[in-house]
Protein backbone atom coordinates (compact mmCIF):
# COMPACT_ATOMS: atom_id res chain seq x y z
CA MET A 1 42.30 -36.64 -51.80
CA SER A 2 39.48 -36.44 -54.28
CA ALA A 3 37.95 -33.18 -55.39
CA GLN A 4 34.62 -34.36 -54.00
CA HIS A 5 36.14 -34.98 -50.58
CA ARG A 6 37.84 -31.57 -50.55
CA SER A 7 34.54 -29.93 -51.48
CA ALA A 8 32.79 -31.67 -48.56
CA GLN A 9 35.48 -30.47 -46.14
CA GLN A 10 35.08 -26.89 -47.33
CA ARG A 11 31.30 -27.05 -46.97
CA GLY A 12 31.57 -28.14 -43.31
CA PRO A 13 33.08 -24.89 -41.92
CA ALA A 14 30.82 -22.86 -44.18
CA ARG A 15 27.72 -24.55 -42.85
CA SER A 16 28.93 -24.10 -39.28
CA ALA A 17 29.47 -20.38 -39.86
CA ALA A 18 26.05 -20.11 -41.45
CA ARG A 19 24.43 -21.77 -38.43
CA ARG A 20 26.22 -19.37 -36.06
CA LEU A 21 25.12 -16.40 -38.14
CA ASP A 22 21.54 -17.67 -38.18
CA ALA A 23 21.61 -18.10 -34.39
CA LEU A 24 22.93 -14.55 -34.01
CA ARG A 25 20.15 -13.20 -36.22
CA ARG A 26 17.54 -15.01 -34.11
CA ARG A 27 19.00 -13.53 -30.93
CA LEU A 28 18.97 -10.07 -32.42
CA ARG A 29 15.34 -10.47 -33.47
CA ARG A 30 14.33 -11.82 -30.08
CA PRO A 31 13.12 -9.20 -27.61
CA LYS A 32 15.60 -8.37 -24.88
CA VAL A 33 13.90 -9.53 -21.71
CA ALA A 34 14.26 -7.78 -18.36
CA PHE A 35 13.00 -8.73 -14.95
CA VAL A 36 12.23 -5.62 -12.89
CA LEU A 37 11.93 -6.29 -9.16
CA SER A 38 10.59 -3.37 -7.16
CA GLY A 39 10.82 -2.61 -3.48
CA GLY A 40 8.29 -4.05 -1.08
CA GLY A 41 9.88 -4.75 2.28
CA ASN A 42 8.48 -7.83 4.00
CA LEU A 43 6.19 -8.46 1.02
CA GLY A 44 9.29 -9.36 -0.99
CA ALA A 45 8.57 -13.07 -0.55
CA VAL A 46 5.98 -12.53 -3.27
CA GLN A 47 8.81 -12.12 -5.77
CA ALA A 48 10.23 -15.53 -4.86
CA GLY A 49 6.95 -17.10 -5.98
CA MET A 50 6.88 -15.01 -9.16
CA LEU A 51 10.44 -15.99 -10.08
CA ARG A 52 9.63 -19.67 -9.69
CA ALA A 53 6.60 -19.29 -11.97
CA LEU A 54 8.71 -17.52 -14.62
CA TYR A 55 11.42 -20.17 -14.42
CA GLU A 56 8.97 -23.06 -14.76
CA HIS A 57 7.51 -21.38 -17.84
CA GLU A 58 11.02 -21.15 -19.33
CA ILE A 59 11.11 -17.36 -19.33
CA THR A 60 14.73 -16.30 -18.98
CA PRO A 61 15.88 -12.68 -18.49
CA ASP A 62 18.75 -11.03 -20.32
CA VAL A 63 19.07 -8.49 -17.53
CA ILE A 64 17.72 -8.04 -13.99
CA VAL A 65 17.25 -4.71 -12.24
CA GLY A 66 16.15 -4.38 -8.65
CA CYS A 67 15.36 -1.97 -5.87
CA SER A 68 15.52 -2.61 -2.12
CA VAL A 69 14.19 -6.10 -1.36
CA GLY A 70 13.84 -6.56 -5.12
CA ALA A 71 17.59 -6.06 -5.39
CA ILE A 72 18.19 -8.88 -2.90
CA ASN A 73 15.78 -11.24 -4.66
CA GLY A 74 17.08 -10.25 -8.08
CA ALA A 75 20.72 -10.77 -7.12
CA ALA A 76 19.95 -14.21 -5.64
CA PHE A 77 18.32 -15.30 -8.90
CA ALA A 78 20.94 -13.61 -11.09
CA ALA A 79 23.64 -15.59 -9.27
CA GLU A 80 22.01 -18.93 -10.10
CA PRO A 81 18.99 -18.68 -12.44
CA ASN A 82 18.02 -22.30 -11.90
CA GLN A 83 16.39 -24.66 -9.39
CA ARG A 84 19.32 -24.32 -7.03
CA GLY A 85 19.02 -20.54 -7.03
CA LEU A 86 15.27 -20.71 -6.46
CA HIS A 87 15.75 -23.09 -3.55
CA ARG A 88 18.25 -20.69 -2.03
CA LEU A 89 15.88 -17.75 -2.44
CA GLU A 90 13.06 -19.70 -0.83
CA ARG A 91 15.42 -20.67 1.98
CA ILE A 92 16.26 -17.01 2.56
CA TRP A 93 12.59 -16.15 3.02
CA SER A 94 11.96 -19.22 5.17
CA ARG A 95 14.81 -18.18 7.44
CA MET A 96 13.42 -14.66 7.73
CA ALA A 97 9.98 -16.09 8.51
CA ASP A 98 11.56 -18.14 11.29
CA GLY A 99 13.59 -15.20 12.63
CA ASP A 100 16.91 -16.82 11.67
CA PRO A 101 18.43 -14.30 11.95
CA ASP A 102 15.98 -11.69 13.21
CA ILE A 103 16.04 -8.91 10.61
CA MET A 104 14.09 -6.48 12.78
CA PRO A 105 14.39 -7.55 16.43
CA ASN A 106 11.42 -7.14 18.74
CA ARG A 107 11.01 -3.55 19.92
CA GLY A 108 9.92 -4.62 23.40
CA PHE A 109 7.13 -2.89 25.27
CA LEU A 110 7.54 0.56 23.69
CA PRO A 111 4.98 1.53 21.00
CA LEU A 112 6.37 2.31 17.55
CA ALA A 113 5.41 5.97 17.96
CA VAL A 114 7.69 6.21 20.99
CA GLN A 115 10.48 4.32 19.22
CA LEU A 116 10.36 6.74 16.30
CA ALA A 117 10.64 9.70 18.68
CA ARG A 118 13.78 8.42 20.36
CA LYS A 119 17.23 9.68 19.44
CA GLY A 120 19.21 7.77 16.85
CA GLU A 121 19.26 7.46 13.09
CA SER A 122 17.35 4.17 12.85
CA LEU A 123 15.22 1.64 14.72
CA HIS A 124 17.46 -1.27 13.79
CA SER A 125 20.94 -2.04 12.59
CA GLN A 126 21.49 -4.06 9.42
CA ASP A 127 23.46 -6.71 11.29
CA GLY A 128 20.77 -9.37 10.91
CA LEU A 129 20.28 -8.69 7.21
CA LYS A 130 24.04 -8.59 6.62
CA GLU A 131 24.47 -11.92 8.42
CA LEU A 132 21.75 -13.49 6.28
CA LEU A 133 23.18 -12.23 2.98
CA GLU A 134 26.73 -13.19 3.87
CA SER A 135 25.65 -16.75 4.61
CA GLU A 136 23.36 -17.18 1.59
CA LEU A 137 24.87 -15.08 -1.21
CA LEU A 138 28.33 -15.25 -2.66
CA ASP A 139 30.40 -12.42 -1.26
CA GLY A 140 31.73 -11.51 -4.68
CA ALA A 141 31.28 -8.87 -7.32
CA ILE A 142 28.22 -7.87 -9.29
CA ASP A 143 30.17 -8.72 -12.44
CA ASP A 144 30.43 -12.34 -11.26
CA LEU A 145 26.67 -12.93 -11.40
CA THR A 146 25.41 -15.22 -14.16
CA ILE A 147 22.83 -12.73 -15.45
CA PRO A 148 23.71 -9.02 -15.84
CA PHE A 149 22.38 -7.27 -12.76
CA SER A 150 22.11 -3.75 -11.37
CA CYS A 151 20.41 -2.23 -8.35
CA VAL A 152 19.53 1.27 -7.26
CA ALA A 153 20.16 3.19 -4.05
CA THR A 154 19.59 6.81 -3.06
CA ASP A 155 22.64 9.07 -2.81
CA ILE A 156 21.73 11.14 0.25
CA ASP A 157 23.93 14.18 -0.37
CA ARG A 158 23.13 14.46 -4.07
CA ALA A 159 19.45 13.57 -3.59
CA GLU A 160 19.52 11.34 -6.65
CA GLU A 161 19.49 7.70 -7.65
CA HIS A 162 22.74 5.80 -7.88
CA TRP A 163 23.07 2.56 -9.82
CA PHE A 164 25.41 -0.22 -8.83
CA GLN A 165 26.34 -2.21 -11.94
CA ASP A 166 29.75 -3.45 -10.86
CA GLY A 167 31.86 -3.66 -7.74
CA PRO A 168 31.19 -5.62 -4.51
CA LEU A 169 27.72 -7.12 -4.34
CA LEU A 170 26.98 -7.14 -0.61
CA PRO A 171 27.46 -3.40 0.10
CA ALA A 172 25.31 -2.56 -2.94
CA LEU A 173 22.46 -4.75 -1.69
CA LEU A 174 22.66 -3.30 1.82
CA ALA A 175 22.61 0.24 0.40
CA SER A 176 19.66 -0.49 -1.88
CA SER A 177 17.65 -1.88 1.06
CA ALA A 178 18.58 0.65 3.78
CA LEU A 179 15.03 1.79 4.53
CA PRO A 180 15.24 5.29 6.08
CA GLY A 181 14.39 5.36 9.77
CA ILE A 182 14.38 1.57 9.95
CA PHE A 183 18.01 0.93 8.96
CA PRO A 184 20.97 3.34 9.03
CA PRO A 185 22.48 4.66 5.80
CA VAL A 186 25.24 2.62 4.19
CA GLN A 187 28.59 4.21 3.41
CA ILE A 188 30.34 3.20 0.20
CA ALA A 189 33.46 4.96 -1.08
CA GLY A 190 32.84 7.93 1.19
CA ARG A 191 29.21 8.45 0.17
CA LEU A 192 26.06 7.66 2.16
CA TYR A 193 23.16 5.75 0.64
CA TYR A 194 19.58 5.00 1.60
CA ASP A 195 17.02 2.63 0.15
CA GLY A 196 16.60 3.03 -3.62
CA GLY A 197 12.84 3.19 -3.14
CA VAL A 198 13.18 6.80 -2.01
CA VAL A 199 13.79 7.87 -5.60
CA ARG A 200 13.15 4.85 -7.85
CA GLU A 201 11.06 2.13 -6.23
CA VAL A 202 9.95 0.57 -9.53
CA PRO A 203 12.95 0.90 -11.87
CA ILE A 204 11.18 0.32 -15.18
CA PRO A 205 12.96 3.20 -17.01
CA SER A 206 16.32 1.73 -16.09
CA ALA A 207 15.44 -1.55 -17.79
CA VAL A 208 14.52 0.40 -20.93
CA GLU A 209 17.85 2.23 -20.82
CA LEU A 210 19.59 -1.16 -20.73
CA GLY A 211 17.89 -2.07 -23.99
CA ALA A 212 15.00 -4.19 -22.74
CA THR A 213 12.00 -4.40 -25.05
CA LYS A 214 10.02 -6.96 -23.02
CA ILE A 215 9.74 -6.27 -19.31
CA TYR A 216 8.32 -8.54 -16.62
CA LEU A 217 7.39 -6.43 -13.60
CA LEU A 218 7.60 -8.23 -10.27
CA HIS A 219 5.84 -5.83 -7.94
CA PRO A 220 4.73 -7.29 -4.58
CA GLY A 221 2.20 -4.59 -3.69
CA HIS A 222 -1.33 -3.75 -4.78
CA LEU A 223 -1.16 0.01 -5.04
CA GLU A 224 -4.61 0.45 -6.51
CA SER A 225 -6.42 -1.30 -3.66
CA ARG A 226 -4.53 0.70 -1.05
CA ALA A 227 -5.62 3.95 -2.62
CA SER A 228 -9.28 2.93 -2.51
CA GLU A 229 -9.52 1.87 1.11
CA GLN A 230 -11.82 3.49 3.68
CA PRO A 231 -11.72 7.29 3.97
CA PRO A 232 -9.04 8.63 6.34
CA LYS A 233 -10.17 9.18 9.93
CA ARG A 234 -7.02 10.68 11.48
CA PRO A 235 -4.10 12.85 10.34
CA PHE A 236 -1.88 9.78 10.15
CA ASP A 237 -4.44 8.07 7.92
CA VAL A 238 -4.25 11.05 5.57
CA LEU A 239 -0.45 10.79 5.41
CA ILE A 240 -0.57 7.07 4.63
CA HIS A 241 -3.28 7.59 2.01
CA ALA A 242 -1.24 10.38 0.37
CA TYR A 243 1.87 8.19 0.37
CA TRP A 244 0.16 5.28 -1.37
CA THR A 245 -1.54 7.62 -3.83
CA ALA A 246 1.82 9.16 -4.75
CA ARG A 247 3.36 5.71 -5.29
CA ALA A 248 0.51 4.56 -7.49
CA ASN A 249 0.58 7.78 -9.50
CA ARG A 250 4.32 7.62 -10.13
CA LEU A 251 4.15 4.00 -11.23
CA GLN A 252 1.29 4.66 -13.63
CA ASP A 253 3.06 7.75 -14.99
CA GLU A 254 6.19 5.74 -15.76
CA ILE A 255 4.12 3.04 -17.44
CA ASP A 256 2.29 5.62 -19.56
CA GLN A 257 5.60 7.10 -20.75
CA LEU A 258 6.98 3.81 -22.03
CA PRO A 259 7.67 3.73 -25.78
CA GLU A 260 5.12 1.81 -27.82
CA PHE A 261 7.59 -0.92 -28.74
CA ILE A 262 8.05 -1.86 -25.06
CA GLU A 263 5.96 -4.78 -23.86
CA LEU A 264 5.26 -4.60 -20.13
CA ILE A 265 3.94 -7.65 -18.33
CA ARG A 266 2.96 -7.18 -14.69
CA LEU A 267 2.70 -10.38 -12.72
CA PRO A 268 -0.09 -10.72 -10.15
CA ALA A 269 0.92 -10.89 -6.50
CA GLY A 270 -1.92 -13.23 -5.62
CA SER A 271 -2.77 -11.61 -2.29
CA ASN A 272 -3.36 -8.25 -0.69
CA PRO A 273 -1.98 -8.68 2.82
CA GLN A 274 -2.13 -6.12 5.60
CA LEU A 275 1.11 -6.65 7.49
CA ARG A 276 3.20 -4.70 9.93
CA PHE A 277 6.39 -3.57 8.25
CA ASP A 278 8.45 -5.79 10.56
CA ASP A 279 6.37 -8.97 10.23
CA PHE A 280 8.26 -11.49 8.08
CA SER A 281 6.48 -14.55 9.47
CA THR A 282 4.18 -15.09 6.47
CA GLY A 283 6.88 -15.33 3.79
CA ARG A 284 6.09 -18.91 2.81
CA GLU A 285 2.38 -18.18 2.41
CA LEU A 286 2.99 -15.03 0.35
CA ALA A 287 5.40 -16.85 -1.97
CA ALA A 288 2.95 -19.73 -2.50
CA LEU A 289 0.03 -17.42 -3.32
CA ALA A 290 2.17 -15.41 -5.76
CA TYR A 291 3.41 -18.59 -7.44
CA GLU A 292 -0.14 -19.86 -7.97
CA ALA A 293 -1.43 -16.53 -9.30
CA SER A 294 1.57 -15.91 -11.57
CA SER A 295 1.55 -19.46 -12.94
CA ARG A 296 -2.14 -19.15 -13.78
CA PHE A 297 -1.51 -15.79 -15.44
CA LEU A 298 1.39 -17.07 -17.56
CA GLU A 299 -0.67 -20.07 -18.66
CA THR A 300 -4.01 -18.36 -19.37
CA GLY A 301 -3.33 -14.61 -19.45
CA GLU A 302 -6.01 -14.18 -16.81
CA THR A 303 -5.56 -12.43 -13.49
CA SER A 304 -7.88 -13.42 -10.68
CA GLU A 305 -8.81 -11.12 -7.83
CA PRO A 306 -6.18 -11.32 -5.08
CA VAL A 307 -7.14 -13.04 -1.88
CA SER A 308 -6.99 -10.98 1.29
CA GLY A 309 -3.84 -12.75 2.39
CA PRO A 310 -2.27 -12.76 5.84
CA SER A 311 -2.56 -9.84 8.26
CA SER A 312 -0.77 -8.61 11.35
CA LEU A 313 -2.59 -7.36 14.41
CA PRO A 314 -2.30 -4.66 15.44
CA SER A 315 -1.60 -3.05 12.09
CA VAL A 316 1.26 -0.60 11.73
CA GLU A 317 -1.27 2.23 11.66
CA GLU A 318 -2.81 1.06 14.94
CA ASP A 319 0.62 0.69 16.47
CA LEU A 320 1.50 4.26 15.59
CA GLN A 321 -1.72 5.48 17.16
CA LEU A 322 -1.43 3.67 20.49
CA ASP A 323 -0.56 6.87 22.29
CA ILE A 324 -3.57 8.78 20.95
CA ASP A 325 -6.15 6.01 21.04
CA GLN A 326 -5.96 5.07 24.72
CA PRO A 327 -9.34 5.13 26.50
CA ASN A 328 -10.03 8.17 28.64
CA SER A 329 -11.12 7.95 32.27
CA GLU A 330 -14.72 7.19 31.21
CA GLY A 331 -13.61 4.25 29.04
CA GLU A 332 -14.19 6.01 25.71
CA ASN A 333 -11.77 7.16 23.02
CA GLU A 334 -11.29 10.83 22.35
């Protein structure tokens, strides 16, 4: 073998090692990207549209963190961050829109106010949601997901957030989405958990703790517009107004406390619907509006005013007030 040939053979491995080192340096310089999916109940279909927009713009997360319905959407995408995973996520929301299975079965003739006053720890069981997740998501471990994933639930006894970063996936998702009063608490390893939104609805700080420096926030609600609606007219209106104000304040406070090197990108939801909490029928429409708005934002950087979006009649507020808003004997409200 000639000296020239031996020299060429030696240069081959050296060049390969140099290319690997250069690729490593590029990865280290690249911002660590996180997708943060907040809670949002039946508005969660919005996140399906956002995820499709991100995927089509070739934005790939290094980590996904989720809360409540955001945990379910995030886990579905983390399992298969591709067209197949997006189709499955869209199928999940289409099935919920069609009541297959019924996540929150019809309450019958009783007003919600009466239902809430009845004995029992919740209005519904999680049987429908469990059936849906078992049929659509792999019943495996969090560690088996393609993209690193974690979700938050509320530890009832300790009154603190609990993060599921490993272990069985399905119980973690059910715990993270166990909305108090609507679904019963979920027991895991002897501890009871409620919806993570009780303590950490928008888990931005958790993404920072995981090393993210570029965060895409997939939040399905428009907190600002809720806080600026018409002045409260009844005690229940005051409670709802206070609740939305507290949510908006906490979110803004967490954003303000982010380190300067963190880049936060909040995707537009595209609509501002007024839906009953148990109305999942508009999932396809919400996802489509969010996809259009988020795609436009990622292409132009511009956020258009959200359309009014779908609405449910009567609203949840009206439903709660059925017992106090009935006409008196003269045909007028009190």
